[in-house]
């Protein structure tokens, strides 16, 4: 049997609870109300940014009671590491974005590089409007090339995991969101 690396177990043991499952769900409820007001008449296309946004997208969609379509893109800057690199596309995208109101859904906005690249991508493919909704936003970050239009929760500039966000490919399944302590040995903070 293959065991998880010791760093994965150590991360969970040393992490501090940032948001409980109840706090996350309440924030998603509130975000869904704001999105409903803004998008109910738009016939939006929601695009979940895989893998991290999967739990957030699923939870959010269950709270949106108006016509919409769903798709996904699978892009990554981390590939199960803690250090961001270049944007890598995993697979193609087949839906037509021409004239659509696209809503990019991501787990976290940190440096804004992934969101900016996807915003440009959607616009180049003919999206009439691009809106960004994120579960977490690291507001403490300085000047970023992109911002979120809708944010469920603001978080400190720490490496976080749980609720779809991972540490070395693990812990996406946690129902709460945790932050690693400063000095845990990370090269770079998460950015999606």
N, C-alpha and C. Protein backbone atom coordinates (compact mmCIF):
# COMPACT_ATOMS: atom_id res chain seq x y z
N UNK A 1 0.84 -1.18 0.00
CA UNK A 1 0.00 0.00 0.00
C UNK A 1 0.89 1.25 0.00
N UNK A 2 0.52 2.22 -0.81
CA UNK A 2 1.26 3.47 -0.88
C UNK A 2 0.69 4.44 0.15
N UNK A 3 1.57 4.94 0.99
CA UNK A 3 1.18 5.88 2.04
C UNK A 3 1.34 7.31 1.54
N UNK A 4 0.53 8.25 2.07
CA UNK A 4 0.76 9.65 1.72
C UNK A 4 2.11 10.12 2.26
N UNK A 5 2.74 11.07 1.61
CA UNK A 5 4.02 11.58 2.10
C UNK A 5 3.88 12.17 3.50
N UNK A 6 4.92 12.10 4.31
CA UNK A 6 4.86 12.67 5.67
C UNK A 6 4.48 14.16 5.67
N UNK A 7 4.89 14.90 4.65
CA UNK A 7 4.55 16.32 4.59
C UNK A 7 3.04 16.54 4.54
N UNK A 8 2.32 15.63 3.92
CA UNK A 8 0.85 15.74 3.81
C UNK A 8 0.22 15.58 5.19
N UNK A 9 0.66 14.59 5.92
CA UNK A 9 0.14 14.38 7.27
C UNK A 9 0.55 15.53 8.20
N UNK A 10 1.78 16.00 8.04
CA UNK A 10 2.26 17.12 8.85
C UNK A 10 1.49 18.39 8.57
N UNK A 11 1.13 18.61 7.31
CA UNK A 11 0.36 19.81 6.95
C UNK A 11 -0.97 19.81 7.67
N UNK A 12 -1.65 18.69 7.67
CA UNK A 12 -2.96 18.62 8.32
C UNK A 12 -2.83 18.79 9.83
N UNK A 13 -1.79 18.23 10.42
CA UNK A 13 -1.60 18.32 11.87
C UNK A 13 -1.25 19.74 12.32
N UNK A 14 -0.52 20.47 11.49
CA UNK A 14 -0.07 21.81 11.89
C UNK A 14 -0.98 22.94 11.41
N UNK A 15 -1.92 22.62 10.54
CA UNK A 15 -2.79 23.66 9.98
C UNK A 15 -3.77 24.19 11.01
N UNK A 16 -4.15 25.43 10.80
CA UNK A 16 -5.12 26.10 11.66
C UNK A 16 -6.45 26.22 10.91
N UNK A 17 -7.55 25.93 11.61
CA UNK A 17 -8.87 26.07 11.00
C UNK A 17 -9.08 27.54 10.64
N UNK A 18 -9.39 27.79 9.38
CA UNK A 18 -9.65 29.14 8.91
C UNK A 18 -11.15 29.39 8.80
N UNK A 19 -11.86 28.47 8.15
CA UNK A 19 -13.31 28.56 8.02
C UNK A 19 -13.91 27.17 8.22
N UNK A 20 -14.90 27.07 9.09
CA UNK A 20 -15.60 25.80 9.29
C UNK A 20 -16.51 25.53 8.10
N UNK A 21 -16.95 24.29 7.97
CA UNK A 21 -17.88 23.92 6.89
C UNK A 21 -19.13 24.79 6.96
N UNK A 22 -19.64 25.05 8.16
CA UNK A 22 -20.85 25.87 8.30
C UNK A 22 -20.60 27.30 7.81
N UNK A 23 -19.42 27.85 8.11
CA UNK A 23 -19.10 29.21 7.64
C UNK A 23 -18.99 29.25 6.12
N UNK A 24 -18.40 28.22 5.53
CA UNK A 24 -18.26 28.17 4.08
C UNK A 24 -19.65 28.09 3.43
N UNK A 25 -20.49 27.22 3.94
CA UNK A 25 -21.83 27.06 3.35
C UNK A 25 -22.66 28.34 3.49
N UNK A 26 -22.56 29.01 4.60
CA UNK A 26 -23.28 30.28 4.78
C UNK A 26 -22.79 31.31 3.76
N UNK A 27 -21.49 31.38 3.55
CA UNK A 27 -20.93 32.33 2.58
C UNK A 27 -21.39 31.99 1.16
N UNK A 28 -21.47 30.70 0.84
CA UNK A 28 -21.94 30.29 -0.48
C UNK A 28 -23.42 30.64 -0.65
N UNK A 29 -24.21 30.45 0.41
CA UNK A 29 -25.63 30.86 0.37
C UNK A 29 -25.75 32.34 0.02
N UNK A 30 -24.97 33.17 0.69
CA UNK A 30 -25.02 34.61 0.46
C UNK A 30 -24.54 34.97 -0.95
N UNK A 31 -23.50 34.30 -1.40
CA UNK A 31 -23.00 34.53 -2.75
C UNK A 31 -24.06 34.15 -3.79
N UNK A 32 -24.75 33.05 -3.57
CA UNK A 32 -25.78 32.60 -4.51
C UNK A 32 -26.89 33.65 -4.65
N UNK A 33 -27.24 34.30 -3.57
CA UNK A 33 -28.26 35.36 -3.64
C UNK A 33 -27.75 36.51 -4.52
N UNK A 34 -26.51 36.92 -4.30
CA UNK A 34 -25.94 38.02 -5.11
C UNK A 34 -25.84 37.63 -6.58
N UNK A 35 -25.45 36.40 -6.85
CA UNK A 35 -25.36 35.93 -8.24
C UNK A 35 -26.74 35.84 -8.88
N UNK A 36 -27.72 35.43 -8.13
CA UNK A 36 -29.08 35.34 -8.66
C UNK A 36 -29.58 36.72 -9.08
N UNK A 37 -29.36 37.70 -8.25
CA UNK A 37 -29.77 39.07 -8.59
C UNK A 37 -29.07 39.53 -9.86
N UNK A 38 -27.79 39.22 -10.00
CA UNK A 38 -27.00 39.70 -11.14
C UNK A 38 -27.20 38.89 -12.41
N UNK A 39 -27.49 37.59 -12.30
CA UNK A 39 -27.43 36.72 -13.47
C UNK A 39 -28.71 36.01 -13.88
N UNK A 40 -29.77 36.14 -13.12
CA UNK A 40 -30.97 35.34 -13.37
C UNK A 40 -31.54 35.52 -14.77
N UNK A 41 -31.34 36.67 -15.37
CA UNK A 41 -31.88 36.95 -16.71
C UNK A 41 -30.83 36.81 -17.81
N UNK A 42 -29.64 36.33 -17.48
CA UNK A 42 -28.51 36.34 -18.41
C UNK A 42 -28.28 35.05 -19.20
N UNK A 43 -28.94 33.95 -18.85
CA UNK A 43 -28.66 32.66 -19.46
C UNK A 43 -27.15 32.38 -19.44
N UNK A 44 -26.54 32.39 -18.26
CA UNK A 44 -25.08 32.29 -18.18
C UNK A 44 -24.56 30.88 -18.44
N UNK A 45 -23.30 30.84 -18.83
CA UNK A 45 -22.55 29.60 -18.94
C UNK A 45 -21.53 29.61 -17.81
N UNK A 46 -21.71 28.73 -16.83
CA UNK A 46 -20.77 28.61 -15.73
C UNK A 46 -19.64 27.69 -16.16
N UNK A 47 -18.40 28.14 -15.97
CA UNK A 47 -17.23 27.32 -16.29
C UNK A 47 -16.42 27.13 -15.02
N UNK A 48 -16.43 25.89 -14.55
CA UNK A 48 -15.69 25.52 -13.34
C UNK A 48 -14.24 25.28 -13.71
N UNK A 49 -13.33 25.85 -12.93
CA UNK A 49 -11.90 25.68 -13.18
C UNK A 49 -11.43 24.50 -12.33
N UNK A 50 -11.13 23.42 -13.01
CA UNK A 50 -10.79 22.17 -12.35
C UNK A 50 -9.34 22.16 -11.89
N UNK A 51 -9.03 21.42 -10.88
CA UNK A 51 -9.85 20.56 -10.06
C UNK A 51 -10.39 21.30 -8.84
N UNK A 52 -9.73 22.34 -8.43
CA UNK A 52 -10.04 22.97 -7.16
C UNK A 52 -11.44 23.52 -7.02
N UNK A 53 -12.05 23.99 -8.09
CA UNK A 53 -13.36 24.63 -7.99
C UNK A 53 -14.51 23.63 -8.01
N UNK A 54 -14.24 22.36 -8.17
CA UNK A 54 -15.31 21.37 -8.28
C UNK A 54 -16.28 21.38 -7.10
N UNK A 55 -15.84 21.27 -5.84
CA UNK A 55 -16.80 21.30 -4.74
C UNK A 55 -17.57 22.62 -4.64
N UNK A 56 -16.87 23.73 -4.84
CA UNK A 56 -17.50 25.04 -4.79
C UNK A 56 -18.55 25.18 -5.88
N UNK A 57 -18.22 24.77 -7.09
CA UNK A 57 -19.16 24.86 -8.21
C UNK A 57 -20.40 24.03 -7.93
N UNK A 58 -20.22 22.80 -7.47
CA UNK A 58 -21.35 21.92 -7.19
C UNK A 58 -22.27 22.52 -6.12
N UNK A 59 -21.68 23.03 -5.07
CA UNK A 59 -22.47 23.61 -3.99
C UNK A 59 -23.19 24.88 -4.46
N UNK A 60 -22.48 25.71 -5.19
CA UNK A 60 -23.07 26.96 -5.68
C UNK A 60 -24.22 26.70 -6.65
N UNK A 61 -24.03 25.78 -7.58
CA UNK A 61 -25.06 25.48 -8.58
C UNK A 61 -26.37 25.04 -7.95
N UNK A 62 -26.30 24.30 -6.86
CA UNK A 62 -27.51 23.82 -6.20
C UNK A 62 -28.32 24.96 -5.61
N UNK A 63 -27.72 26.13 -5.51
CA UNK A 63 -28.39 27.29 -4.92
C UNK A 63 -28.83 28.31 -5.98
N UNK A 64 -28.56 28.04 -7.24
CA UNK A 64 -28.94 28.94 -8.33
C UNK A 64 -30.15 28.35 -9.04
N UNK A 65 -31.31 28.98 -8.87
CA UNK A 65 -32.56 28.42 -9.39
C UNK A 65 -33.05 29.20 -10.60
N UNK A 66 -32.20 29.29 -11.62
CA UNK A 66 -32.55 29.92 -12.88
C UNK A 66 -31.80 29.16 -13.98
N UNK A 67 -32.22 29.33 -15.24
CA UNK A 67 -31.58 28.58 -16.32
C UNK A 67 -30.11 28.97 -16.48
N UNK A 68 -29.26 27.95 -16.57
CA UNK A 68 -27.83 28.15 -16.80
C UNK A 68 -27.28 26.89 -17.43
N UNK A 69 -26.09 27.01 -17.97
CA UNK A 69 -25.38 25.84 -18.47
C UNK A 69 -24.06 25.73 -17.71
N UNK A 70 -23.51 24.53 -17.73
CA UNK A 70 -22.28 24.26 -16.99
C UNK A 70 -21.27 23.57 -17.89
N UNK A 71 -20.03 23.98 -17.76
CA UNK A 71 -18.92 23.29 -18.40
C UNK A 71 -17.71 23.44 -17.47
N UNK A 72 -16.56 23.06 -17.96
CA UNK A 72 -15.35 23.17 -17.15
C UNK A 72 -14.14 23.33 -18.05
N UNK A 73 -13.10 23.88 -17.48
CA UNK A 73 -11.77 23.86 -18.08
C UNK A 73 -10.85 23.25 -17.03
N UNK A 74 -9.87 22.53 -17.51
CA UNK A 74 -8.92 21.93 -16.59
C UNK A 74 -7.56 22.56 -16.87
N UNK A 75 -7.23 23.53 -16.05
CA UNK A 75 -5.95 24.22 -16.15
C UNK A 75 -5.28 24.17 -14.78
N UNK A 76 -3.97 24.30 -14.79
CA UNK A 76 -3.25 24.24 -13.52
C UNK A 76 -1.96 25.01 -13.62
N UNK A 77 -1.57 25.58 -12.49
CA UNK A 77 -0.24 26.16 -12.35
C UNK A 77 0.55 25.39 -11.29
N UNK A 78 -0.06 24.38 -10.69
CA UNK A 78 0.58 23.70 -9.56
C UNK A 78 0.89 22.23 -9.78
N UNK A 79 0.00 21.48 -10.45
CA UNK A 79 0.21 20.05 -10.66
C UNK A 79 0.67 19.33 -9.40
N UNK A 80 -0.10 19.44 -8.34
CA UNK A 80 0.14 18.77 -7.06
C UNK A 80 1.40 19.21 -6.35
N UNK A 81 1.89 20.41 -6.67
CA UNK A 81 3.01 20.97 -5.93
C UNK A 81 2.52 22.21 -5.19
N UNK A 82 3.36 22.81 -4.41
CA UNK A 82 2.98 24.01 -3.68
C UNK A 82 3.56 25.26 -4.32
N UNK A 83 4.21 25.10 -5.46
CA UNK A 83 4.84 26.23 -6.13
C UNK A 83 4.24 26.43 -7.51
N UNK A 84 3.71 27.63 -7.78
CA UNK A 84 3.08 27.92 -9.06
C UNK A 84 4.09 28.06 -10.18
N UNK A 85 3.70 27.58 -11.35
CA UNK A 85 4.53 27.69 -12.54
C UNK A 85 3.72 28.24 -13.69
N UNK A 86 4.02 27.77 -14.88
CA UNK A 86 3.28 28.24 -16.04
C UNK A 86 1.91 27.56 -16.10
N UNK A 87 0.98 28.19 -16.79
CA UNK A 87 -0.36 27.66 -16.93
C UNK A 87 -0.35 26.48 -17.90
N UNK A 88 -0.87 25.35 -17.46
CA UNK A 88 -0.92 24.13 -18.27
C UNK A 88 -2.38 23.77 -18.51
N UNK A 89 -2.75 23.57 -19.77
CA UNK A 89 -4.10 23.15 -20.15
C UNK A 89 -4.13 21.63 -20.22
N UNK A 90 -5.09 21.03 -19.53
CA UNK A 90 -5.28 19.58 -19.55
C UNK A 90 -6.57 19.30 -20.32
N UNK A 91 -6.47 19.05 -21.59
CA UNK A 91 -7.65 18.76 -22.39
C UNK A 91 -8.20 20.00 -23.08
N UNK A 92 -9.09 19.76 -24.02
CA UNK A 92 -9.67 20.85 -24.81
C UNK A 92 -10.99 21.33 -24.25
N UNK A 93 -11.57 22.30 -24.92
CA UNK A 93 -12.85 22.87 -24.52
C UNK A 93 -13.71 22.94 -25.77
N UNK A 94 -14.90 22.37 -25.75
CA UNK A 94 -15.71 22.24 -26.95
C UNK A 94 -16.88 23.21 -27.07
N UNK A 95 -17.34 23.83 -26.00
CA UNK A 95 -18.54 24.67 -26.07
C UNK A 95 -18.25 26.00 -26.77
N UNK A 96 -19.28 26.51 -27.43
CA UNK A 96 -19.19 27.80 -28.11
C UNK A 96 -19.45 28.92 -27.09
N UNK A 97 -18.55 29.88 -27.01
CA UNK A 97 -18.71 31.00 -26.08
C UNK A 97 -19.24 32.25 -26.76
N UNK A 98 -19.41 32.21 -28.06
CA UNK A 98 -19.83 33.38 -28.83
C UNK A 98 -21.14 33.97 -28.28
N UNK A 99 -21.06 35.25 -27.86
CA UNK A 99 -22.23 35.98 -27.38
C UNK A 99 -22.72 35.59 -26.00
N UNK A 100 -22.00 34.72 -25.29
CA UNK A 100 -22.46 34.23 -23.99
C UNK A 100 -21.95 35.09 -22.84
N UNK A 101 -22.70 35.06 -21.75
CA UNK A 101 -22.23 35.61 -20.48
C UNK A 101 -21.57 34.44 -19.76
N UNK A 102 -20.25 34.46 -19.69
CA UNK A 102 -19.47 33.38 -19.08
C UNK A 102 -19.17 33.75 -17.63
N UNK A 103 -19.37 32.78 -16.74
CA UNK A 103 -19.03 32.95 -15.34
C UNK A 103 -17.93 31.95 -15.01
N UNK A 104 -16.73 32.46 -14.80
CA UNK A 104 -15.60 31.61 -14.41
C UNK A 104 -15.69 31.38 -12.90
N UNK A 105 -15.68 30.13 -12.49
CA UNK A 105 -15.79 29.79 -11.07
C UNK A 105 -14.48 29.13 -10.64
N UNK A 106 -13.83 29.74 -9.64
CA UNK A 106 -12.55 29.20 -9.17
C UNK A 106 -12.55 29.09 -7.66
N UNK A 107 -11.63 28.29 -7.15
CA UNK A 107 -11.54 28.08 -5.72
C UNK A 107 -10.93 29.28 -5.01
N UNK A 108 -9.85 29.86 -5.59
CA UNK A 108 -9.16 30.93 -4.89
C UNK A 108 -8.54 31.90 -5.88
N UNK A 109 -8.58 33.17 -5.54
CA UNK A 109 -7.89 34.21 -6.30
C UNK A 109 -6.73 34.69 -5.45
N UNK A 110 -5.54 34.50 -5.99
CA UNK A 110 -4.32 34.89 -5.27
C UNK A 110 -3.61 35.95 -6.10
N UNK A 111 -2.72 35.55 -6.95
CA UNK A 111 -1.98 36.49 -7.78
C UNK A 111 -2.78 36.97 -8.98
N UNK A 112 -3.79 36.22 -9.39
CA UNK A 112 -4.66 36.62 -10.49
C UNK A 112 -4.20 36.19 -11.86
N UNK A 113 -3.14 35.43 -11.96
CA UNK A 113 -2.60 35.04 -13.26
C UNK A 113 -3.51 34.07 -14.00
N UNK A 114 -4.01 33.06 -13.32
CA UNK A 114 -4.89 32.09 -13.97
C UNK A 114 -6.19 32.75 -14.40
N UNK A 115 -6.79 33.53 -13.52
CA UNK A 115 -8.05 34.20 -13.85
C UNK A 115 -7.87 35.14 -15.03
N UNK A 116 -6.78 35.89 -15.05
CA UNK A 116 -6.56 36.81 -16.17
C UNK A 116 -6.40 36.04 -17.48
N UNK A 117 -5.65 34.95 -17.46
CA UNK A 117 -5.48 34.14 -18.67
C UNK A 117 -6.81 33.58 -19.14
N UNK A 118 -7.65 33.11 -18.22
CA UNK A 118 -8.94 32.55 -18.61
C UNK A 118 -9.93 33.64 -19.05
N UNK A 119 -9.86 34.79 -18.45
CA UNK A 119 -10.69 35.92 -18.89
C UNK A 119 -10.33 36.28 -20.34
N UNK A 120 -9.04 36.37 -20.63
CA UNK A 120 -8.59 36.66 -22.00
C UNK A 120 -9.04 35.56 -22.96
N UNK A 121 -8.89 34.32 -22.55
CA UNK A 121 -9.29 33.17 -23.36
C UNK A 121 -10.77 33.22 -23.71
N UNK A 122 -11.62 33.48 -22.72
CA UNK A 122 -13.07 33.53 -22.95
C UNK A 122 -13.43 34.69 -23.88
N UNK A 123 -12.81 35.83 -23.68
CA UNK A 123 -13.06 36.99 -24.53
C UNK A 123 -12.64 36.70 -25.97
N UNK A 124 -11.48 36.10 -26.14
CA UNK A 124 -10.99 35.75 -27.48
C UNK A 124 -11.90 34.75 -28.18
N UNK A 125 -12.60 33.93 -27.41
CA UNK A 125 -13.53 32.95 -27.99
C UNK A 125 -14.92 33.53 -28.18
N UNK A 126 -15.08 34.85 -27.97
CA UNK A 126 -16.33 35.51 -28.30
C UNK A 126 -17.30 35.75 -27.16
N UNK A 127 -16.89 35.50 -25.92
CA UNK A 127 -17.80 35.75 -24.79
C UNK A 127 -18.18 37.23 -24.78
N UNK A 128 -19.47 37.50 -24.62
CA UNK A 128 -19.95 38.89 -24.57
C UNK A 128 -19.56 39.54 -23.25
N UNK A 129 -19.63 38.77 -22.18
CA UNK A 129 -19.26 39.27 -20.85
C UNK A 129 -18.63 38.12 -20.08
N UNK A 130 -17.64 38.45 -19.24
CA UNK A 130 -16.98 37.46 -18.40
C UNK A 130 -17.03 37.94 -16.96
N UNK A 131 -17.62 37.12 -16.12
CA UNK A 131 -17.73 37.40 -14.69
C UNK A 131 -16.93 36.34 -13.95
N UNK A 132 -16.30 36.73 -12.85
CA UNK A 132 -15.50 35.80 -12.06
C UNK A 132 -16.09 35.68 -10.66
N UNK A 133 -16.32 34.43 -10.24
CA UNK A 133 -16.78 34.15 -8.87
C UNK A 133 -15.78 33.20 -8.23
N UNK A 134 -15.33 33.54 -7.03
CA UNK A 134 -14.36 32.70 -6.32
C UNK A 134 -14.83 32.41 -4.90
N UNK A 135 -14.41 31.27 -4.41
CA UNK A 135 -14.70 30.91 -3.03
C UNK A 135 -13.88 31.77 -2.08
N UNK A 136 -12.57 31.89 -2.35
CA UNK A 136 -11.68 32.67 -1.50
C UNK A 136 -10.93 33.72 -2.31
N UNK A 137 -10.71 34.87 -1.69
CA UNK A 137 -9.90 35.92 -2.30
C UNK A 137 -8.88 36.37 -1.28
N UNK A 138 -7.62 36.35 -1.69
CA UNK A 138 -6.55 36.87 -0.84
C UNK A 138 -6.43 38.36 -1.09
N UNK A 139 -7.28 39.12 -0.43
CA UNK A 139 -7.30 40.58 -0.62
C UNK A 139 -5.97 41.23 -0.25
N UNK A 140 -5.18 40.57 0.56
CA UNK A 140 -3.94 41.17 1.02
C UNK A 140 -2.89 41.26 -0.08
N UNK A 141 -3.12 40.56 -1.19
CA UNK A 141 -2.16 40.62 -2.29
C UNK A 141 -2.20 42.01 -2.92
N UNK A 142 -1.07 42.48 -3.38
CA UNK A 142 -0.96 43.80 -4.00
C UNK A 142 -1.62 43.85 -5.35
N UNK A 143 -1.05 44.59 -6.23
CA UNK A 143 -1.57 44.79 -7.56
C UNK A 143 -1.63 43.46 -8.31
N UNK A 144 -2.82 43.12 -8.81
CA UNK A 144 -3.01 41.87 -9.54
C UNK A 144 -3.57 42.19 -10.92
N UNK A 145 -3.32 41.34 -11.91
CA UNK A 145 -3.85 41.60 -13.24
C UNK A 145 -5.35 41.34 -13.36
N UNK A 146 -5.95 40.67 -12.38
CA UNK A 146 -7.37 40.36 -12.43
C UNK A 146 -7.97 40.42 -11.03
N UNK A 147 -9.25 40.69 -10.99
CA UNK A 147 -9.99 40.70 -9.73
C UNK A 147 -11.24 39.84 -9.89
N UNK A 148 -11.82 39.44 -8.78
CA UNK A 148 -13.07 38.69 -8.81
C UNK A 148 -14.23 39.65 -8.71
N UNK A 149 -15.30 39.32 -9.42
CA UNK A 149 -16.53 40.12 -9.35
C UNK A 149 -17.38 39.71 -8.15
N UNK A 150 -17.30 38.44 -7.80
CA UNK A 150 -18.06 37.90 -6.68
C UNK A 150 -17.15 37.03 -5.83
N UNK A 151 -17.15 37.28 -4.53
CA UNK A 151 -16.27 36.58 -3.59
C UNK A 151 -17.11 36.05 -2.43
N UNK A 152 -16.93 34.78 -2.11
CA UNK A 152 -17.63 34.22 -0.96
C UNK A 152 -16.94 34.61 0.34
N UNK A 153 -15.61 34.44 0.40
CA UNK A 153 -14.86 34.71 1.63
C UNK A 153 -13.51 35.34 1.30
N UNK A 154 -13.08 36.27 2.14
CA UNK A 154 -11.73 36.82 2.04
C UNK A 154 -10.84 36.03 3.00
N UNK A 155 -9.60 35.80 2.59
CA UNK A 155 -8.71 35.04 3.46
C UNK A 155 -7.34 35.71 3.53
N UNK A 156 -6.59 35.40 4.57
CA UNK A 156 -5.25 35.98 4.72
C UNK A 156 -4.30 35.39 3.67
N UNK A 157 -3.17 36.01 3.53
CA UNK A 157 -2.15 35.57 2.59
C UNK A 157 -1.40 34.39 3.18
N UNK A 158 -2.06 33.25 3.19
CA UNK A 158 -1.50 32.00 3.72
C UNK A 158 -1.81 30.88 2.74
N UNK A 159 -1.07 29.80 2.82
CA UNK A 159 -1.37 28.64 2.00
C UNK A 159 -2.57 27.93 2.63
N UNK A 160 -3.62 27.74 1.85
CA UNK A 160 -4.86 27.16 2.37
C UNK A 160 -5.19 25.87 1.63
N UNK A 161 -5.93 25.00 2.32
CA UNK A 161 -6.40 23.77 1.69
C UNK A 161 -7.70 23.33 2.33
N UNK A 162 -8.39 22.42 1.63
CA UNK A 162 -9.73 21.96 2.00
C UNK A 162 -10.74 22.58 1.04
N UNK A 163 -11.93 22.03 0.97
CA UNK A 163 -12.99 22.53 0.09
C UNK A 163 -12.55 22.60 -1.37
N UNK A 164 -11.80 21.60 -1.80
CA UNK A 164 -11.34 21.54 -3.18
C UNK A 164 -9.91 21.97 -3.37
N UNK A 165 -9.38 22.75 -2.46
CA UNK A 165 -7.99 23.21 -2.56
C UNK A 165 -7.09 22.15 -1.91
N UNK A 166 -5.93 21.94 -2.51
CA UNK A 166 -5.11 20.82 -2.06
C UNK A 166 -3.79 21.26 -1.44
N UNK A 167 -3.18 20.31 -0.78
CA UNK A 167 -1.78 20.39 -0.37
C UNK A 167 -1.11 19.17 -0.96
N UNK A 168 -0.21 19.39 -1.93
CA UNK A 168 0.51 18.31 -2.62
C UNK A 168 -0.44 17.24 -3.16
N UNK A 169 -1.60 17.68 -3.66
CA UNK A 169 -2.56 16.76 -4.26
C UNK A 169 -3.52 16.11 -3.27
N UNK A 170 -3.39 16.40 -2.00
CA UNK A 170 -4.23 15.81 -0.95
C UNK A 170 -5.08 16.87 -0.26
N UNK A 171 -6.06 16.40 0.50
CA UNK A 171 -6.91 17.20 1.38
C UNK A 171 -7.96 18.04 0.66
N UNK A 172 -8.19 17.83 -0.63
CA UNK A 172 -9.29 18.53 -1.32
C UNK A 172 -10.63 18.15 -0.70
N UNK A 173 -10.69 16.99 -0.09
CA UNK A 173 -11.92 16.42 0.44
C UNK A 173 -12.34 16.97 1.80
N UNK A 174 -11.54 17.79 2.43
CA UNK A 174 -11.90 18.30 3.76
C UNK A 174 -13.08 19.26 3.67
N UNK A 175 -14.04 19.17 4.60
CA UNK A 175 -15.21 20.04 4.56
C UNK A 175 -14.96 21.44 5.13
N UNK A 176 -13.81 21.63 5.77
CA UNK A 176 -13.43 22.93 6.33
C UNK A 176 -12.24 23.45 5.52
N UNK A 177 -11.88 24.71 5.73
CA UNK A 177 -10.72 25.30 5.07
C UNK A 177 -9.67 25.59 6.14
N UNK A 178 -8.45 25.14 5.87
CA UNK A 178 -7.34 25.27 6.81
C UNK A 178 -6.23 26.12 6.22
N UNK A 179 -5.46 26.78 7.09
CA UNK A 179 -4.31 27.57 6.68
C UNK A 179 -3.06 26.99 7.33
N UNK A 180 -2.01 26.90 6.55
CA UNK A 180 -0.73 26.43 7.09
C UNK A 180 -0.05 27.56 7.85
N UNK A 181 0.71 27.21 8.87
CA UNK A 181 1.44 28.25 9.60
C UNK A 181 2.58 28.81 8.74
N UNK A 182 2.95 30.05 9.00
CA UNK A 182 4.11 30.63 8.32
C UNK A 182 5.32 29.74 8.61
N UNK A 183 6.18 29.60 7.61
CA UNK A 183 7.39 28.82 7.80
C UNK A 183 7.21 27.33 7.70
N UNK A 184 6.11 26.87 7.14
CA UNK A 184 5.89 25.43 7.02
C UNK A 184 6.79 24.82 5.95
N UNK A 185 7.53 25.63 5.21
CA UNK A 185 8.45 25.10 4.21
C UNK A 185 7.94 25.25 2.79
N UNK A 186 6.96 26.09 2.57
CA UNK A 186 6.42 26.27 1.23
C UNK A 186 7.27 27.25 0.45
N UNK A 187 7.44 26.96 -0.82
CA UNK A 187 8.21 27.84 -1.70
C UNK A 187 7.39 29.05 -2.13
N UNK A 188 6.10 28.86 -2.33
CA UNK A 188 5.24 29.90 -2.90
C UNK A 188 3.83 29.64 -2.40
N UNK A 189 3.03 30.65 -2.32
CA UNK A 189 1.64 30.44 -1.92
C UNK A 189 0.81 30.02 -3.12
N UNK A 190 -0.36 29.48 -2.86
CA UNK A 190 -1.26 29.00 -3.91
C UNK A 190 -1.71 30.17 -4.76
N UNK A 191 -1.87 29.93 -6.04
CA UNK A 191 -2.48 30.90 -6.93
C UNK A 191 -3.21 30.15 -8.01
N UNK A 192 -4.47 30.37 -8.12
CA UNK A 192 -5.27 29.83 -9.21
C UNK A 192 -6.09 30.91 -9.81
